[in-house]
Amino acid sequence: MNIGSKLKKVGDLVDNHASVLDIGCDHAHLDIYLAQKNKTLKKIIASDNKKGPLDIAKKNVSMYQLQDRIKLKLGEGLDVYEEDIDTVIISGMGGRNMIGIFKNHFEYFKTINTIIISPNNYQQDIKKFLVKNGYLISDEYLVKEGKFIYQVIKFIKGRIKYSKKEYFLGPKLLEKKGRLFEEYYQKELKAREILLEMLPKKYYYKKWIMKKEIKILREALENSD
């Protein structure tokens, strides 16, 4: 299965011998990739809350003759969770939607050891939420696919305190930096500079936050490779 660079990075972060739940699997491309790449995986559940994409996923799984490796389930978020699942994947969804999925089932945090996400937005929000609930960032990457650059973040059980700068830019991304770091955060800087100019004076607090973020971005980019 040939998949995009974002999903490939997500799949490559899955540990050997894991039991995986992929929430919002769409056409199950990631799950097929996982089944082909990693024979040690104990279980792969591909779930979606829409019947249409799941029907296509079923055809794809059958085409690759992986019915014995991939279980398809129709349902919302963690409603489809099974008790032996230790790894949860959510990709291509907003950060706040991800938070909503986890908030609906706090009880599963006891057995979920690894969470791998690629949020479309509100990355800081989902990072803070998962860290508050007993996870730390074990690795993170920037992945370019077409014109877009995505964050891919892996969380494991653990306790750690991050600074505002680390939440904003990513603790592991700050260590790695590099070309994609510079490209991604240059765009973030320009967007904030434009928005700051457009914001009316009455938005004092928002302008204050924006100025702080611009300062962090400028300092990080000055010291970037």
C-alpha atoms as a PDB file:
ATOM      1  CA  MET A   1       0.000   0.000   0.000  1.00  0.00           C
ATOM      2  CA  ASN A   2       1.446   3.336  -1.092  1.00  0.00           C
ATOM      3  CA  ILE A   3       0.347   6.058   1.313  1.00  0.00           C
ATOM      4  CA  GLY A   4       1.188   9.721   1.814  1.00  0.00           C
ATOM      5  CA  SER A   5       4.192  10.850   3.807  1.00  0.00           C
ATOM      6  CA  LYS A   6       2.048  11.959   6.769  1.00  0.00           C
ATOM      7  CA  LEU A   7       0.293   8.612   7.229  1.00  0.00           C
ATOM      8  CA  LYS A   8       3.546   6.770   6.648  1.00  0.00           C
ATOM      9  CA  LYS A   9       5.200   8.688   9.474  1.00  0.00           C
ATOM     10  CA  VAL A  10       2.215   7.972  11.725  1.00  0.00           C
ATOM     11  CA  GLY A  11       2.448   4.270  10.909  1.00  0.00           C
ATOM     12  CA  ASP A  12       6.200   4.146  11.415  1.00  0.00           C
ATOM     13  CA  LEU A  13       5.768   5.431  14.979  1.00  0.00           C
ATOM     14  CA  VAL A  14       3.659   2.410  16.006  1.00  0.00           C
ATOM     15  CA  ASP A  15       5.608   0.060  18.289  1.00  0.00           C
ATOM     16  CA  ASN A  16       6.092  -3.634  17.600  1.00  0.00           C
ATOM     17  CA  HIS A  17       3.569  -5.991  19.265  1.00  0.00           C
ATOM     18  CA  ALA A  18       1.043  -3.167  19.716  1.00  0.00           C
ATOM     19  CA  SER A  19      -2.743  -3.504  19.629  1.00  0.00           C
ATOM     20  CA  VAL A  20      -3.914  -0.553  17.554  1.00  0.00           C
ATOM     21  CA  LEU A  21      -7.135   1.417  17.215  1.00  0.00           C
ATOM     22  CA  ASP A  22      -7.197   3.846  14.273  1.00  0.00           C
ATOM     23  CA  ILE A  23     -10.001   6.370  14.861  1.00  0.00           C
ATOM     24  CA  GLY A  24     -11.313   7.997  11.684  1.00  0.00           C
ATOM     25  CA  CYS A  25      -9.676   5.434   9.402  1.00  0.00           C
ATOM     26  CA  ASP A  26     -11.388   6.719   6.227  1.00  0.00           C
ATOM     27  CA  HIS A  27     -10.466   4.120   3.558  1.00  0.00           C
ATOM     28  CA  ALA A  28      -8.115   2.144   5.863  1.00  0.00           C
ATOM     29  CA  HIS A  29      -4.950   2.981   3.901  1.00  0.00           C
ATOM     30  CA  LEU A  30      -2.952   3.425   7.106  1.00  0.00           C
ATOM     31  CA  ASP A  31      -4.247   0.164   8.539  1.00  0.00           C
ATOM     32  CA  ILE A  32      -3.362  -1.774   5.401  1.00  0.00           C
ATOM     33  CA  TYR A  33       0.115  -0.233   5.520  1.00  0.00           C
ATOM     34  CA  LEU A  34       0.459  -1.278   9.165  1.00  0.00           C
ATOM     35  CA  ALA A  35      -0.683  -4.839   8.469  1.00  0.00           C
ATOM     36  CA  GLN A  36       1.767  -5.192   5.592  1.00  0.00           C
ATOM     37  CA  LYS A  37       4.707  -3.519   7.317  1.00  0.00           C
ATOM     38  CA  ASN A  38       4.497  -4.892  10.836  1.00  0.00           C
ATOM     39  CA  LYS A  39       3.650  -8.573  11.232  1.00  0.00           C
ATOM     40  CA  THR A  40       4.149  -8.370  15.021  1.00  0.00           C
ATOM     41  CA  LEU A  41       1.037  -6.252  15.652  1.00  0.00           C
ATOM     42  CA  LYS A  42      -1.424  -8.123  17.847  1.00  0.00           C
ATOM     43  CA  LYS A  43      -4.543  -6.321  16.642  1.00  0.00           C
ATOM     44  CA  ILE A  44      -5.563  -3.588  14.206  1.00  0.00           C
ATOM     45  CA  ILE A  45      -9.003  -1.988  14.479  1.00  0.00           C
ATOM     46  CA  ALA A  46      -9.939   0.516  11.773  1.00  0.00           C
ATOM     47  CA  SER A  47     -12.943   2.615  12.793  1.00  0.00           C
ATOM     48  CA  ASP A  48     -14.959   5.420  11.272  1.00  0.00           C
ATOM     49  CA  ASN A  49     -18.227   7.131  12.146  1.00  0.00           C
ATOM     50  CA  LYS A  50     -19.415   7.157   8.516  1.00  0.00           C
ATOM     51  CA  LYS A  51     -20.668   4.052   6.698  1.00  0.00           C
ATOM     52  CA  GLY A  52     -19.591   5.244   3.230  1.00  0.00           C
ATOM     53  CA  PRO A  53     -15.845   5.450   3.910  1.00  0.00           C
ATOM     54  CA  LEU A  54     -16.007   2.239   5.956  1.00  0.00           C
ATOM     55  CA  ASP A  55     -17.601   0.386   3.039  1.00  0.00           C
ATOM     56  CA  ILE A  56     -14.683   1.487   0.838  1.00  0.00           C
ATOM     57  CA  ALA A  57     -12.285   0.475   3.620  1.00  0.00           C
ATOM     58  CA  LYS A  58     -13.876  -2.988   3.640  1.00  0.00           C
ATOM     59  CA  LYS A  59     -13.304  -3.341  -0.114  1.00  0.00           C
ATOM     60  CA  ASN A  60      -9.684  -2.212   0.270  1.00  0.00           C
ATOM     61  CA  VAL A  61      -9.010  -4.646   3.100  1.00  0.00           C
ATOM     62  CA  SER A  62     -10.554  -7.477   1.071  1.00  0.00           C
ATOM     63  CA  MET A  63      -8.541  -6.526  -2.009  1.00  0.00           C
ATOM     64  CA  TYR A  64      -5.313  -6.934  -0.024  1.00  0.00           C
ATOM     65  CA  GLN A  65      -6.686 -10.090   1.653  1.00  0.00           C
ATOM     66  CA  LEU A  66      -6.145  -8.671   5.131  1.00  0.00           C
ATOM     67  CA  GLN A  67      -9.542  -9.524   6.654  1.00  0.00           C
ATOM     68  CA  ASP A  68      -7.799 -11.662   9.269  1.00  0.00           C
ATOM     69  CA  ARG A  69      -5.504  -8.795  10.315  1.00  0.00           C
ATOM     70  CA  ILE A  70      -7.780  -5.754  10.218  1.00  0.00           C
ATOM     71  CA  LYS A  71     -11.108  -5.461  12.049  1.00  0.00           C
ATOM     72  CA  LEU A  72     -13.493  -2.764  10.789  1.00  0.00           C
ATOM     73  CA  LYS A  73     -15.890  -1.035  13.190  1.00  0.00           C
ATOM     74  CA  LEU A  74     -18.533   1.650  12.686  1.00  0.00           C
ATOM     75  CA  GLY A  75     -18.787   4.064  15.597  1.00  0.00           C
ATOM     76  CA  GLU A  76     -17.869   7.363  17.234  1.00  0.00           C
ATOM     77  CA  GLY A  77     -14.381   7.868  18.617  1.00  0.00           C
ATOM     78  CA  LEU A  78     -13.519   5.629  21.546  1.00  0.00           C
ATOM     79  CA  ASP A  79     -16.998   4.078  21.625  1.00  0.00           C
ATOM     80  CA  VAL A  80     -15.465   1.240  19.563  1.00  0.00           C
ATOM     81  CA  TYR A  81     -12.577   0.701  22.002  1.00  0.00           C
ATOM     82  CA  GLU A  82     -11.700  -2.855  23.060  1.00  0.00           C
ATOM     83  CA  GLU A  83     -10.008  -3.554  26.381  1.00  0.00           C
ATOM     84  CA  ASP A  84      -6.734  -4.929  24.986  1.00  0.00           C
ATOM     85  CA  ILE A  85      -6.038  -1.868  22.824  1.00  0.00           C
ATOM     86  CA  ASP A  86      -2.860  -0.098  23.987  1.00  0.00           C
ATOM     87  CA  THR A  87      -2.231   2.271  21.053  1.00  0.00           C
ATOM     88  CA  VAL A  88      -4.654   4.864  19.672  1.00  0.00           C
ATOM     89  CA  ILE A  89      -4.139   6.750  16.411  1.00  0.00           C
ATOM     90  CA  ILE A  90      -6.061   9.863  15.327  1.00  0.00           C
ATOM     91  CA  SER A  91      -4.954  11.670  12.179  1.00  0.00           C
ATOM     92  CA  GLY A  92      -6.447  14.427  10.050  1.00  0.00           C
ATOM     93  CA  MET A  93      -8.757  15.896  12.676  1.00  0.00           C
ATOM     94  CA  GLY A  94      -8.801  19.141  14.637  1.00  0.00           C
ATOM     95  CA  GLY A  95      -7.083  19.180  18.020  1.00  0.00           C
ATOM     96  CA  ARG A  96     -10.229  20.159  19.900  1.00  0.00           C
ATOM     97  CA  ASN A  97     -12.212  17.361  18.283  1.00  0.00           C
ATOM     98  CA  MET A  98      -9.517  14.968  19.494  1.00  0.00           C
ATOM     99  CA  ILE A  99      -9.887  16.348  23.021  1.00  0.00           C
ATOM    100  CA  GLY A 100     -13.641  15.708  22.825  1.00  0.00           C
ATOM    101  CA  ILE A 101     -13.036  12.072  21.850  1.00  0.00           C
ATOM    102  CA  PHE A 102     -10.756  11.476  24.832  1.00  0.00           C
ATOM    103  CA  LYS A 103     -12.969  13.408  27.270  1.00  0.00           C
ATOM    104  CA  ASN A 104     -15.857  11.076  26.490  1.00  0.00           C
ATOM    105  CA  HIS A 105     -13.853   8.105  27.772  1.00  0.00           C
ATOM    106  CA  PHE A 106     -11.324   9.113  30.422  1.00  0.00           C
ATOM    107  CA  GLU A 107     -11.478   5.551  31.781  1.00  0.00           C
ATOM    108  CA  TYR A 108      -9.497   4.197  28.814  1.00  0.00           C
ATOM    109  CA  PHE A 109      -6.433   6.244  29.707  1.00  0.00           C
ATOM    110  CA  LYS A 110      -5.652   3.453  32.176  1.00  0.00           C
ATOM    111  CA  THR A 111      -4.868   0.986  29.395  1.00  0.00           C
ATOM    112  CA  ILE A 112      -3.859   3.266  26.499  1.00  0.00           C
ATOM    113  CA  ASN A 113      -0.063   3.452  26.667  1.00  0.00           C
ATOM    114  CA  THR A 114       0.614   5.183  23.348  1.00  0.00           C
ATOM    115  CA  ILE A 115      -1.244   7.903  21.459  1.00  0.00           C
ATOM    116  CA  ILE A 116      -0.157   8.996  17.982  1.00  0.00           C
ATOM    117  CA  ILE A 117      -1.838  12.056  16.491  1.00  0.00           C
ATOM    118  CA  SER A 118      -1.574  14.437  13.563  1.00  0.00           C
ATOM    119  CA  PRO A 119      -3.886  17.343  14.402  1.00  0.00           C
ATOM    120  CA  ASN A 120      -4.957  19.803  11.700  1.00  0.00           C
ATOM    121  CA  ASN A 121      -5.153  22.666  14.188  1.00  0.00           C
ATOM    122  CA  TYR A 122      -5.165  23.557  17.912  1.00  0.00           C
ATOM    123  CA  GLN A 123      -1.982  21.535  18.369  1.00  0.00           C
ATOM    124  CA  GLN A 124      -1.144  23.279  21.653  1.00  0.00           C
ATOM    125  CA  ASP A 125      -4.558  22.463  23.092  1.00  0.00           C
ATOM    126  CA  ILE A 126      -4.322  18.718  22.494  1.00  0.00           C
ATOM    127  CA  LYS A 127      -0.711  18.618  23.709  1.00  0.00           C
ATOM    128  CA  LYS A 128      -1.629  20.335  26.982  1.00  0.00           C
ATOM    129  CA  PHE A 129      -4.659  18.094  27.450  1.00  0.00           C
ATOM    130  CA  LEU A 130      -2.749  14.834  27.001  1.00  0.00           C
ATOM    131  CA  VAL A 131       0.181  15.976  29.152  1.00  0.00           C
ATOM    132  CA  LYS A 132      -2.242  17.020  31.897  1.00  0.00           C
ATOM    133  CA  ASN A 133      -3.719  13.510  31.758  1.00  0.00           C
ATOM    134  CA  GLY A 134      -0.496  11.591  32.231  1.00  0.00           C
ATOM    135  CA  TYR A 135       1.338  11.508  28.910  1.00  0.00           C
ATOM    136  CA  LEU A 136       4.577  12.986  27.599  1.00  0.00           C
ATOM    137  CA  ILE A 137       5.795  13.700  24.085  1.00  0.00           C
ATOM    138  CA  SER A 138       8.222  10.919  23.159  1.00  0.00           C
ATOM    139  CA  ASP A 139       8.724  12.072  19.585  1.00  0.00           C
ATOM    140  CA  GLU A 140       7.365  14.495  17.026  1.00  0.00           C
ATOM    141  CA  TYR A 141       7.974  15.300  13.386  1.00  0.00           C
ATOM    142  CA  LEU A 142       7.093  17.790  10.707  1.00  0.00           C
ATOM    143  CA  VAL A 143       6.031  16.102   7.472  1.00  0.00           C
ATOM    144  CA  LYS A 144       5.470  17.864   4.147  1.00  0.00           C
ATOM    145  CA  GLU A 145       2.775  16.579   1.831  1.00  0.00           C
ATOM    146  CA  GLY A 146       2.121  18.719  -1.216  1.00  0.00           C
ATOM    147  CA  LYS A 147       1.894  22.353  -0.133  1.00  0.00           C
ATOM    148  CA  PHE A 148       1.125  21.523   3.479  1.00  0.00           C
ATOM    149  CA  ILE A 149       3.316  20.700   6.476  1.00  0.00           C
ATOM    150  CA  TYR A 150       1.803  18.574   9.240  1.00  0.00           C
ATOM    151  CA  GLN A 151       2.783  17.833  12.824  1.00  0.00           C
ATOM    152  CA  VAL A 152       2.942  14.166  13.811  1.00  0.00           C
ATOM    153  CA  ILE A 153       3.224  13.617  17.566  1.00  0.00           C
ATOM    154  CA  LYS A 154       3.730  10.452  19.619  1.00  0.00           C
ATOM    155  CA  PHE A 155       2.730  10.395  23.302  1.00  0.00           C
ATOM    156  CA  ILE A 156       3.557   7.725  25.850  1.00  0.00           C
ATOM    157  CA  LYS A 157       2.676   7.363  29.529  1.00  0.00           C
ATOM    158  CA  GLY A 158       4.780   9.612  31.756  1.00  0.00           C
ATOM    159  CA  ARG A 159       4.971  12.908  33.610  1.00  0.00           C
ATOM    160  CA  ILE A 160       6.878  15.970  32.463  1.00  0.00           C
ATOM    161  CA  LYS A 161       6.511  19.756  32.600  1.00  0.00           C
ATOM    162  CA  TYR A 162       6.850  21.746  29.393  1.00  0.00           C
ATOM    163  CA  SER A 163       7.406  25.465  28.993  1.00  0.00           C
ATOM    164  CA  LYS A 164       5.068  27.670  26.960  1.00  0.00           C
ATOM    165  CA  LYS A 165       7.717  27.722  24.249  1.00  0.00           C
ATOM    166  CA  GLU A 166       7.860  23.911  24.159  1.00  0.00           C
ATOM    167  CA  TYR A 167       4.079  23.605  23.938  1.00  0.00           C
ATOM    168  CA  PHE A 168       4.015  26.208  21.184  1.00  0.00           C
ATOM    169  CA  LEU A 169       6.892  24.944  19.032  1.00  0.00           C
ATOM    170  CA  GLY A 170       7.181  21.313  20.166  1.00  0.00           C
ATOM    171  CA  PRO A 171       9.928  20.098  22.534  1.00  0.00           C
ATOM    172  CA  LYS A 172      11.309  17.505  20.111  1.00  0.00           C
ATOM    173  CA  LEU A 173      10.934  19.809  17.112  1.00  0.00           C
ATOM    174  CA  LEU A 174      12.984  22.411  18.974  1.00  0.00           C
ATOM    175  CA  GLU A 175      15.768  19.852  19.417  1.00  0.00           C
ATOM    176  CA  LYS A 176      15.744  18.813  15.748  1.00  0.00           C
ATOM    177  CA  LYS A 177      14.913  22.094  13.978  1.00  0.00           C
ATOM    178  CA  GLY A 178      16.106  21.904  10.356  1.00  0.00           C
ATOM    179  CA  ARG A 179      14.648  23.009   7.001  1.00  0.00           C
ATOM    180  CA  LEU A 180      11.003  22.013   7.580  1.00  0.00           C
ATOM    181  CA  PHE A 181      11.025  23.625  11.015  1.00  0.00           C
ATOM    182  CA  GLU A 182      12.128  26.891   9.445  1.00  0.00           C
ATOM    183  CA  GLU A 183       9.609  26.671   6.581  1.00  0.00           C
ATOM    184  CA  TYR A 184       6.700  25.756   8.845  1.00  0.00           C
ATOM    185  CA  TYR A 185       7.312  28.381  11.483  1.00  0.00           C
ATOM    186  CA  GLN A 186       8.177  31.126   8.988  1.00  0.00           C
ATOM    187  CA  LYS A 187       4.622  30.709   7.685  1.00  0.00           C
ATOM    188  CA  GLU A 188       3.266  30.763  11.237  1.00  0.00           C
ATOM    189  CA  LEU A 189       5.238  33.953  11.926  1.00  0.00           C
ATOM    190  CA  LYS A 190       3.982  35.740   8.802  1.00  0.00           C
ATOM    191  CA  ALA A 191       0.388  34.748   9.536  1.00  0.00           C
ATOM    192  CA  ARG A 192       0.622  36.198  13.032  1.00  0.00           C
ATOM    193  CA  GLU A 193       2.304  39.396  11.870  1.00  0.00           C
ATOM    194  CA  ILE A 194      -0.495  39.972   9.349  1.00  0.00           C
ATOM    195  CA  LEU A 195      -3.208  39.188  11.894  1.00  0.00           C
ATOM    196  CA  LEU A 196      -1.628  41.494  14.474  1.00  0.00           C
ATOM    197  CA  GLU A 197      -1.854  44.395  12.024  1.00  0.00           C
ATOM    198  CA  MET A 198      -5.493  43.609  11.236  1.00  0.00           C
ATOM    199  CA  LEU A 199      -6.760  43.176  14.804  1.00  0.00           C
ATOM    200  CA  PRO A 200      -8.672  46.193  16.201  1.00  0.00           C
ATOM    201  CA  LYS A 201      -7.203  47.861  19.309  1.00  0.00           C
ATOM    202  CA  LYS A 202     -10.035  46.554  21.501  1.00  0.00           C
ATOM    203  CA  TYR A 203      -8.642  43.030  21.174  1.00  0.00           C
ATOM    204  CA  TYR A 204      -5.947  43.903  23.669  1.00  0.00           C
ATOM    205  CA  TYR A 205      -5.475  40.442  25.197  1.00  0.00           C
ATOM    206  CA  LYS A 206      -5.383  38.668  21.837  1.00  0.00           C
ATOM    207  CA  LYS A 207      -2.854  41.193  20.533  1.00  0.00           C
ATOM    208  CA  TRP A 208      -0.734  40.653  23.660  1.00  0.00           C
ATOM    209  CA  ILE A 209      -0.730  36.870  23.112  1.00  0.00           C
ATOM    210  CA  MET A 210       0.081  37.382  19.434  1.00  0.00           C
ATOM    211  CA  LYS A 211       3.063  39.582  20.269  1.00  0.00           C
ATOM    212  CA  LYS A 212       4.425  36.975  22.674  1.00  0.00           C
ATOM    213  CA  GLU A 213       4.101  34.250  20.052  1.00  0.00           C
ATOM    214  CA  ILE A 214       5.780  36.424  17.420  1.00  0.00           C
ATOM    215  CA  LYS A 215       8.695  37.004  19.784  1.00  0.00           C
ATOM    216  CA  ILE A 216       9.065  33.248  20.440  1.00  0.00           C
ATOM    217  CA  LEU A 217       8.934  32.509  16.724  1.00  0.00           C
ATOM    218  CA  ARG A 218      11.503  35.154  15.808  1.00  0.00           C
ATOM    219  CA  GLU A 219      13.938  33.929  18.464  1.00  0.00           C
ATOM    220  CA  ALA A 220      13.534  30.285  17.441  1.00  0.00           C
ATOM    221  CA  LEU A 221      14.029  31.065  13.758  1.00  0.00           C
ATOM    222  CA  GLU A 222      17.113  33.185  14.439  1.00  0.00           C
ATOM    223  CA  ASN A 223      18.716  30.167  16.117  1.00  0.00           C
ATOM    224  CA  SER A 224      17.451  27.668  13.540  1.00  0.00           C
ATOM    225  CA  ASP A 225      19.755  25.631  11.315  1.00  0.00           C
END
